[in-house]
């Protein structure tokens, strides 16, 4: 469980910002979204492959 201690005289916005950063570091929301519905392993592999191809293409364009 993620806990953020609110310090004395600290604005709620700042504490909320720290809470959101902690959630991003732990990748809680990403995990929840990925488990929202079932995806077949073949589709996961296909998506990972397409993502790798896309990243490689971007890297080649950056290098020239």
N, C-alpha and C. Protein backbone atom coordinates (compact mmCIF):
# COMPACT_ATOMS: atom_id res chain seq x y z
N UNK A 1 0.84 -1.17 0.00
CA UNK A 1 0.00 0.00 0.00
C UNK A 1 0.89 1.24 0.00
N UNK A 2 0.53 2.20 -0.79
CA UNK A 2 1.31 3.43 -0.91
C UNK A 2 0.78 4.45 0.09
N UNK A 3 1.70 4.98 0.88
CA UNK A 3 1.33 5.95 1.91
C UNK A 3 2.17 7.20 1.73
N UNK A 4 1.51 8.35 1.83
CA UNK A 4 2.20 9.64 1.76
C UNK A 4 1.83 10.42 3.02
N UNK A 5 2.84 10.77 3.79
CA UNK A 5 2.61 11.54 5.00
C UNK A 5 2.51 13.02 4.63
N UNK A 6 1.43 13.65 5.03
CA UNK A 6 1.26 15.08 4.78
C UNK A 6 1.91 15.83 5.93
N UNK A 7 2.87 16.68 5.60
CA UNK A 7 3.60 17.43 6.61
C UNK A 7 2.78 18.62 7.08
N UNK A 8 3.17 19.17 8.22
CA UNK A 8 2.47 20.34 8.75
C UNK A 8 2.59 21.50 7.77
N UNK A 9 1.51 22.20 7.57
CA UNK A 9 1.44 23.38 6.69
C UNK A 9 1.82 23.06 5.24
N UNK A 10 1.67 21.81 4.83
CA UNK A 10 1.96 21.45 3.45
C UNK A 10 0.65 21.47 2.65
N UNK A 11 0.67 22.11 1.50
CA UNK A 11 -0.55 22.12 0.69
C UNK A 11 -0.91 20.71 0.22
N UNK A 12 -2.19 20.47 0.11
CA UNK A 12 -2.68 19.16 -0.34
C UNK A 12 -2.19 18.87 -1.75
N UNK A 13 -2.08 19.91 -2.58
CA UNK A 13 -1.64 19.71 -3.96
C UNK A 13 -0.24 19.10 -4.02
N UNK A 14 0.64 19.56 -3.14
CA UNK A 14 2.01 19.05 -3.13
C UNK A 14 2.03 17.58 -2.67
N UNK A 15 1.23 17.27 -1.66
CA UNK A 15 1.15 15.89 -1.18
C UNK A 15 0.56 14.99 -2.27
N UNK A 16 -0.44 15.49 -2.98
CA UNK A 16 -1.04 14.73 -4.06
C UNK A 16 -0.03 14.49 -5.18
N UNK A 17 0.80 15.48 -5.45
CA UNK A 17 1.83 15.35 -6.48
C UNK A 17 2.84 14.27 -6.08
N UNK A 18 3.24 14.25 -4.81
CA UNK A 18 4.16 13.21 -4.34
C UNK A 18 3.51 11.83 -4.44
N UNK A 19 2.22 11.75 -4.12
CA UNK A 19 1.49 10.49 -4.22
C UNK A 19 1.46 9.98 -5.66
N UNK A 20 1.19 10.87 -6.60
CA UNK A 20 1.15 10.48 -8.01
C UNK A 20 2.52 10.01 -8.49
N UNK A 21 3.59 10.66 -8.03
CA UNK A 21 4.94 10.24 -8.41
C UNK A 21 5.24 8.84 -7.89
N UNK A 22 4.82 8.57 -6.65
CA UNK A 22 5.04 7.24 -6.09
C UNK A 22 4.28 6.18 -6.89
N UNK A 23 3.07 6.48 -7.28
CA UNK A 23 2.27 5.54 -8.07
C UNK A 23 2.95 5.29 -9.41
N UNK A 24 3.46 6.34 -10.04
CA UNK A 24 4.15 6.18 -11.33
C UNK A 24 5.39 5.31 -11.18
N UNK A 25 6.14 5.48 -10.11
CA UNK A 25 7.35 4.69 -9.91
C UNK A 25 7.03 3.21 -9.72
N UNK A 26 5.94 2.92 -9.04
CA UNK A 26 5.57 1.54 -8.77
C UNK A 26 4.80 0.94 -9.94
N UNK A 27 4.32 1.76 -10.85
CA UNK A 27 3.57 1.35 -12.04
C UNK A 27 2.27 0.64 -11.68
N UNK A 28 1.59 1.16 -10.68
CA UNK A 28 0.33 0.57 -10.23
C UNK A 28 -0.74 0.74 -11.29
N UNK A 29 -0.88 1.95 -11.81
CA UNK A 29 -1.94 2.20 -12.78
C UNK A 29 -1.75 1.40 -14.06
N UNK A 30 -0.52 1.25 -14.49
CA UNK A 30 -0.25 0.48 -15.69
C UNK A 30 -0.67 -0.98 -15.49
N UNK A 31 -0.38 -1.51 -14.32
CA UNK A 31 -0.76 -2.88 -14.00
C UNK A 31 -2.28 -3.04 -13.97
N UNK A 32 -2.97 -2.08 -13.38
CA UNK A 32 -4.44 -2.14 -13.31
C UNK A 32 -5.04 -2.09 -14.71
N UNK A 33 -4.53 -1.20 -15.54
CA UNK A 33 -5.05 -1.08 -16.91
C UNK A 33 -4.78 -2.34 -17.72
N UNK A 34 -3.62 -2.95 -17.52
CA UNK A 34 -3.30 -4.15 -18.30
C UNK A 34 -4.16 -5.34 -17.87
N UNK A 35 -4.60 -5.36 -16.63
CA UNK A 35 -5.43 -6.47 -16.14
C UNK A 35 -6.92 -6.21 -16.29
N UNK A 36 -7.28 -5.12 -16.89
CA UNK A 36 -8.69 -4.79 -17.06
C UNK A 36 -9.40 -5.83 -17.91
N UNK A 37 -8.71 -6.36 -18.91
CA UNK A 37 -9.27 -7.41 -19.75
C UNK A 37 -8.14 -8.34 -20.19
N UNK A 38 -8.50 -9.54 -20.58
CA UNK A 38 -7.51 -10.56 -20.94
C UNK A 38 -7.01 -10.34 -22.35
N UNK A 39 -5.69 -10.43 -22.52
CA UNK A 39 -5.11 -10.39 -23.85
C UNK A 39 -4.35 -11.69 -24.05
N UNK A 40 -4.54 -12.28 -25.20
CA UNK A 40 -3.89 -13.55 -25.50
C UNK A 40 -2.37 -13.35 -25.58
N UNK A 41 -1.61 -14.37 -25.21
CA UNK A 41 -0.15 -14.27 -25.28
C UNK A 41 0.36 -13.95 -26.68
N UNK A 42 -0.31 -14.46 -27.71
CA UNK A 42 0.13 -14.18 -29.08
C UNK A 42 -0.02 -12.70 -29.40
N UNK A 43 -1.07 -12.08 -28.90
CA UNK A 43 -1.27 -10.65 -29.14
C UNK A 43 -0.24 -9.83 -28.36
N UNK A 44 0.08 -10.26 -27.14
CA UNK A 44 1.12 -9.57 -26.36
C UNK A 44 2.46 -9.61 -27.09
N UNK A 45 2.81 -10.80 -27.62
CA UNK A 45 4.07 -10.93 -28.35
C UNK A 45 4.08 -10.04 -29.59
N UNK A 46 2.95 -10.00 -30.29
CA UNK A 46 2.85 -9.18 -31.50
C UNK A 46 3.03 -7.71 -31.16
N UNK A 47 2.39 -7.26 -30.08
CA UNK A 47 2.51 -5.86 -29.67
C UNK A 47 3.95 -5.53 -29.26
N UNK A 48 4.60 -6.44 -28.54
CA UNK A 48 5.99 -6.21 -28.14
C UNK A 48 6.90 -6.13 -29.36
N UNK A 49 6.65 -6.99 -30.34
CA UNK A 49 7.46 -6.99 -31.55
C UNK A 49 7.28 -5.68 -32.32
N UNK A 50 6.04 -5.24 -32.47
CA UNK A 50 5.77 -3.98 -33.17
C UNK A 50 6.40 -2.79 -32.43
N UNK A 51 6.34 -2.84 -31.10
CA UNK A 51 6.94 -1.77 -30.31
C UNK A 51 8.45 -1.73 -30.50
N UNK A 52 9.08 -2.90 -30.54
CA UNK A 52 10.53 -2.97 -30.74
C UNK A 52 10.91 -2.46 -32.13
N UNK A 53 10.12 -2.82 -33.14
CA UNK A 53 10.39 -2.33 -34.49
C UNK A 53 10.27 -0.81 -34.54
N UNK A 54 9.25 -0.28 -33.90
CA UNK A 54 9.03 1.17 -33.87
C UNK A 54 10.21 1.88 -33.19
N UNK A 55 10.65 1.34 -32.04
CA UNK A 55 11.78 1.95 -31.33
C UNK A 55 13.05 1.90 -32.17
N UNK A 56 13.26 0.78 -32.85
CA UNK A 56 14.45 0.65 -33.70
C UNK A 56 14.40 1.66 -34.84
N UNK A 57 13.23 1.85 -35.41
CA UNK A 57 13.06 2.82 -36.49
C UNK A 57 13.37 4.24 -36.00
N UNK A 58 12.87 4.59 -34.82
CA UNK A 58 13.15 5.91 -34.26
C UNK A 58 14.64 6.10 -34.00
N UNK A 59 15.29 5.05 -33.50
CA UNK A 59 16.71 5.14 -33.21
C UNK A 59 17.52 5.32 -34.49
N UNK A 60 17.13 4.63 -35.55
CA UNK A 60 17.83 4.76 -36.83
C UNK A 60 17.66 6.17 -37.39
N UNK A 61 16.48 6.74 -37.23
CA UNK A 61 16.25 8.09 -37.74
C UNK A 61 17.05 9.11 -36.94
N UNK A 62 17.22 8.88 -35.64
CA UNK A 62 17.98 9.81 -34.81
C UNK A 62 19.46 9.75 -35.16
N UNK A 63 19.95 8.57 -35.50
CA UNK A 63 21.37 8.41 -35.82
C UNK A 63 21.69 8.84 -37.25
N UNK A 64 20.69 8.87 -38.09
CA UNK A 64 20.91 9.35 -39.45
C UNK A 64 21.09 8.31 -40.45
